[in-house]
C-alpha atoms as a PDB file:
ATOM      1  CA  MET A   1     -18.155  28.656  24.066  1.00  0.00           C
ATOM      2  CA  LYS A   2     -14.982  28.664  24.301  1.00  0.00           C
ATOM      3  CA  SER A   3     -13.783  25.484  25.132  1.00  0.00           C
ATOM      4  CA  SER A   4     -16.444  24.375  21.875  1.00  0.00           C
ATOM      5  CA  SER A   5     -13.481  27.040  19.988  1.00  0.00           C
ATOM      6  CA  VAL A   6     -10.803  24.882  20.582  1.00  0.00           C
ATOM      7  CA  GLU A   7     -12.571  21.923  20.288  1.00  0.00           C
ATOM      8  CA  LEU A   8     -13.654  23.111  16.552  1.00  0.00           C
ATOM      9  CA  ALA A   9     -10.005  24.277  16.362  1.00  0.00           C
ATOM     10  CA  LEU A  10      -8.361  20.345  16.977  1.00  0.00           C
ATOM     11  CA  ILE A  11     -11.035  18.712  14.289  1.00  0.00           C
ATOM     12  CA  LEU A  12      -9.987  21.293  11.796  1.00  0.00           C
ATOM     13  CA  ALA A  13      -5.763  20.649  13.052  1.00  0.00           C
ATOM     14  CA  VAL A  14      -6.669  16.963  12.291  1.00  0.00           C
ATOM     15  CA  ALA A  15      -8.323  16.755  10.192  1.00  0.00           C
ATOM     16  CA  GLY A  16      -6.203  18.069   7.985  1.00  0.00           C
ATOM     17  CA  LEU A  17      -3.309  16.787   8.852  1.00  0.00           C
ATOM     18  CA  LEU A  18      -5.594  13.153   7.762  1.00  0.00           C
ATOM     19  CA  CYS A  19      -6.142  15.099   4.014  1.00  0.00           C
ATOM     20  CA  GLY A  20      -2.415  16.089   4.113  1.00  0.00           C
ATOM     21  CA  SER A  21      -1.543  12.348   4.502  1.00  0.00           C
ATOM     22  CA  ALA A  22      -4.151  10.975   2.230  1.00  0.00           C
ATOM     23  CA  HIS A  23      -2.255  13.160  -0.797  1.00  0.00           C
ATOM     24  CA  ALA A  24       1.139  10.744   0.096  1.00  0.00           C
ATOM     25  CA  GLN A  25       2.365   9.393  -3.635  1.00  0.00           C
ATOM     26  CA  VAL A  26       2.840   6.203  -3.527  1.00  0.00           C
ATOM     27  CA  ALA A  27       4.717   4.158  -5.718  1.00  0.00           C
ATOM     28  CA  VAL A  28       4.437   0.225  -6.752  1.00  0.00           C
ATOM     29  CA  VAL A  29       7.796  -1.077  -7.309  1.00  0.00           C
ATOM     30  CA  MET A  30       9.350  -3.825  -8.636  1.00  0.00           C
ATOM     31  CA  ALA A  31      12.200  -5.250 -10.754  1.00  0.00           C
ATOM     32  CA  PRO A  32      14.623  -2.748 -12.821  1.00  0.00           C
ATOM     33  CA  SER A  33      13.097  -4.760 -15.764  1.00  0.00           C
ATOM     34  CA  ALA A  34       9.963  -4.455 -15.167  1.00  0.00           C
ATOM     35  CA  SER A  35       6.779  -3.709 -17.197  1.00  0.00           C
ATOM     36  CA  PRO A  36       4.651  -1.670 -15.544  1.00  0.00           C
ATOM     37  CA  LEU A  37       1.313  -2.162 -14.573  1.00  0.00           C
ATOM     38  CA  SER A  38      -2.402  -1.305 -14.756  1.00  0.00           C
ATOM     39  CA  LYS A  39      -4.817   0.239 -11.111  1.00  0.00           C
ATOM     40  CA  GLU A  40      -7.116  -3.243 -11.507  1.00  0.00           C
ATOM     41  CA  GLN A  41      -3.310  -5.557 -12.061  1.00  0.00           C
ATOM     42  CA  ILE A  42      -2.235  -4.094  -8.779  1.00  0.00           C
ATOM     43  CA  ALA A  43      -5.089  -5.262  -7.300  1.00  0.00           C
ATOM     44  CA  ASN A  44      -5.958  -8.545  -8.340  1.00  0.00           C
ATOM     45  CA  ILE A  45      -2.720  -9.092  -7.008  1.00  0.00           C
ATOM     46  CA  TYR A  46      -3.392  -7.784  -3.415  1.00  0.00           C
ATOM     47  CA  LEU A  47      -7.354  -9.065  -3.218  1.00  0.00           C
ATOM     48  CA  GLY A  48      -6.572 -12.334  -3.634  1.00  0.00           C
ATOM     49  CA  ARG A  49      -7.272 -12.902  -7.584  1.00  0.00           C
ATOM     50  CA  SER A  50      -4.128 -13.265  -9.544  1.00  0.00           C
ATOM     51  CA  ALA A  51      -1.828 -14.855  -8.442  1.00  0.00           C
ATOM     52  CA  VAL A  52       1.037 -13.767 -10.990  1.00  0.00           C
ATOM     53  CA  LEU A  53       3.185 -12.162  -8.547  1.00  0.00           C
ATOM     54  CA  ARG A  54       4.341 -11.754  -5.433  1.00  0.00           C
ATOM     55  CA  PRO A  55       3.618  -8.560  -3.251  1.00  0.00           C
ATOM     56  CA  LEU A  56       4.870  -6.968  -0.522  1.00  0.00           C
ATOM     57  CA  ASP A  57       2.908  -5.814   2.281  1.00  0.00           C
ATOM     58  CA  LEU A  58       4.123  -2.612   4.617  1.00  0.00           C
ATOM     59  CA  PRO A  59       3.326  -3.333   8.530  1.00  0.00           C
ATOM     60  CA  GLU A  60      -0.248  -2.427   9.680  1.00  0.00           C
ATOM     61  CA  SER A  61       1.390   0.468  11.498  1.00  0.00           C
ATOM     62  CA  ASN A  62       2.700   1.713   7.873  1.00  0.00           C
ATOM     63  CA  ALA A  63       0.299   4.867   7.133  1.00  0.00           C
ATOM     64  CA  THR A  64       1.960   4.332   3.160  1.00  0.00           C
ATOM     65  CA  ARG A  65      -0.392   0.877   3.744  1.00  0.00           C
ATOM     66  CA  ASP A  66      -3.332   2.398   4.219  1.00  0.00           C
ATOM     67  CA  ILE A  67      -2.988   4.770   1.714  1.00  0.00           C
ATOM     68  CA  PHE A  68      -1.443   2.639  -0.259  1.00  0.00           C
ATOM     69  CA  TYR A  69      -4.835   0.152  -0.087  1.00  0.00           C
ATOM     70  CA  GLN A  70      -6.958   3.120  -0.749  1.00  0.00           C
ATOM     71  CA  LYS A  71      -5.576   4.697  -3.655  1.00  0.00           C
ATOM     72  CA  VAL A  72      -5.312   1.229  -5.131  1.00  0.00           C
ATOM     73  CA  THR A  73      -8.765  -0.870  -4.006  1.00  0.00           C
ATOM     74  CA  GLU A  74     -10.507   1.125  -2.363  1.00  0.00           C
ATOM     75  CA  ARG A  75     -10.898  -0.346   1.148  1.00  0.00           C
ATOM     76  CA  ASP A  76     -10.280   0.752   4.286  1.00  0.00           C
ATOM     77  CA  PRO A  77      -8.122  -1.846   6.828  1.00  0.00           C
ATOM     78  CA  ALA A  78     -10.866  -3.673   8.531  1.00  0.00           C
ATOM     79  CA  GLN A  79     -12.109  -4.565   4.333  1.00  0.00           C
ATOM     80  CA  ILE A  80      -8.692  -6.141   3.874  1.00  0.00           C
ATOM     81  CA  LYS A  81      -8.295  -7.761   6.634  1.00  0.00           C
ATOM     82  CA  ALA A  82     -11.871  -8.897   5.848  1.00  0.00           C
ATOM     83  CA  THR A  83     -10.539 -10.580   2.762  1.00  0.00           C
ATOM     84  CA  TRP A  84      -7.998 -12.539   3.424  1.00  0.00           C
ATOM     85  CA  SER A  85      -9.135 -13.782   6.107  1.00  0.00           C
ATOM     86  CA  ARG A  86     -11.980 -14.478   4.345  1.00  0.00           C
ATOM     87  CA  ILE A  87      -9.697 -16.409   1.291  1.00  0.00           C
ATOM     88  CA  VAL A  88      -7.232 -17.828   4.143  1.00  0.00           C
ATOM     89  CA  PHE A  89      -9.987 -19.290   5.753  1.00  0.00           C
ATOM     90  CA  SER A  90     -11.611 -20.625   2.011  1.00  0.00           C
ATOM     91  CA  GLY A  91      -7.610 -21.962   1.266  1.00  0.00           C
ATOM     92  CA  ARG A  92      -8.031 -20.110  -1.457  1.00  0.00           C
ATOM     93  CA  GLY A  93      -4.649 -17.730  -0.751  1.00  0.00           C
ATOM     94  CA  THR A  94      -2.447 -16.540   1.042  1.00  0.00           C
ATOM     95  CA  PRO A  95      -2.090 -13.071   2.650  1.00  0.00           C
ATOM     96  CA  PRO A  96       0.972 -10.833   1.180  1.00  0.00           C
ATOM     97  CA  LYS A  97       4.507 -11.313   2.875  1.00  0.00           C
ATOM     98  CA  GLU A  98       4.445  -8.758   5.314  1.00  0.00           C
ATOM     99  CA  VAL A  99       8.548  -6.638   5.468  1.00  0.00           C
ATOM    100  CA  PRO A 100       9.410  -3.916   7.767  1.00  0.00           C
ATOM    101  CA  ASP A 101      10.137  -0.488   5.792  1.00  0.00           C
ATOM    102  CA  ALA A 102      10.515   0.469   2.335  1.00  0.00           C
ATOM    103  CA  ALA A 103      14.603  -0.589   2.046  1.00  0.00           C
ATOM    104  CA  ALA A 104      13.294  -4.264   2.642  1.00  0.00           C
ATOM    105  CA  VAL A 105      10.660  -3.637  -0.063  1.00  0.00           C
ATOM    106  CA  LYS A 106      13.718  -2.373  -2.318  1.00  0.00           C
ATOM    107  CA  LYS A 107      15.777  -5.063  -1.321  1.00  0.00           C
ATOM    108  CA  ALA A 108      12.879  -7.893  -1.903  1.00  0.00           C
ATOM    109  CA  VAL A 109      11.480  -6.750  -5.556  1.00  0.00           C
ATOM    110  CA  ALA A 110      15.285  -5.873  -7.080  1.00  0.00           C
ATOM    111  CA  ALA A 111      16.777  -9.490  -6.103  1.00  0.00           C
ATOM    112  CA  ASP A 112      13.102 -11.622  -6.632  1.00  0.00           C
ATOM    113  CA  PRO A 113      11.344 -10.110 -10.741  1.00  0.00           C
ATOM    114  CA  LYS A 114       7.825 -12.130  -9.319  1.00  0.00           C
ATOM    115  CA  SER A 115       7.819  -9.706  -6.104  1.00  0.00           C
ATOM    116  CA  VAL A 116       5.651  -6.905  -6.334  1.00  0.00           C
ATOM    117  CA  GLY A 117       5.520  -4.122  -3.171  1.00  0.00           C
ATOM    118  CA  TYR A 118       4.706   0.172  -2.638  1.00  0.00           C
ATOM    119  CA  ILE A 119       6.915   2.079  -0.685  1.00  0.00           C
ATOM    120  CA  GLU A 120       6.985   6.362  -0.700  1.00  0.00           C
ATOM    121  CA  LYS A 121       7.255   7.834  -4.012  1.00  0.00           C
ATOM    122  CA  ALA A 122      10.341   9.659  -1.956  1.00  0.00           C
ATOM    123  CA  ALA A 123      11.883   6.871  -1.173  1.00  0.00           C
ATOM    124  CA  VAL A 124      12.131   5.040  -4.753  1.00  0.00           C
ATOM    125  CA  ASP A 125      15.343   5.268  -6.055  1.00  0.00           C
ATOM    126  CA  GLY A 126      17.466   3.024  -8.834  1.00  0.00           C
ATOM    127  CA  SER A 127      17.440  -0.305  -7.570  1.00  0.00           C
ATOM    128  CA  VAL A 128      13.611  -0.425  -8.276  1.00  0.00           C
ATOM    129  CA  LYS A 129      11.290  -0.039 -11.001  1.00  0.00           C
ATOM    130  CA  VAL A 130       7.997   2.502 -10.806  1.00  0.00           C
ATOM    131  CA  VAL A 131       5.522   0.121 -12.416  1.00  0.00           C
ATOM    132  CA  LEU A 132       1.926   2.567 -11.000  1.00  0.00           C
ATOM    133  CA  MET A 133       2.492   5.759  -9.343  1.00  0.00           C
ATOM    134  CA  LEU A 134      -0.727   6.291  -7.116  1.00  0.00           C
ATOM    135  CA  GLU A 135      -1.558   9.708  -6.367  1.00  0.00           C
END
């Protein structure tokens, strides 16, 4: 009986950590001259439905990526991967360019007004403009 309560405590602790990370604030960022965008516009860009802007992705191992896609598209990583596999296979587009970290996202969007990326709110600085805040 004692091991069951230990297992339950571990499960609850892990669930608490996961819930805490799901509430992280993610900022969608662009060059300082950009205009705000809607959640729907961002979803369309990151799901290959719009080629107006060039999307940037953090690595698959980055937790911010999963939070971003869940909040914007309401899809999990496997669903996003499947979506892009279909788009690439059909020749209708290429997936977002992957960059290594928040610093690379900021550098890329600051240099290219047609690029859009996402980072944790805490990483935002004056080199970029927040066009959508995901909470």
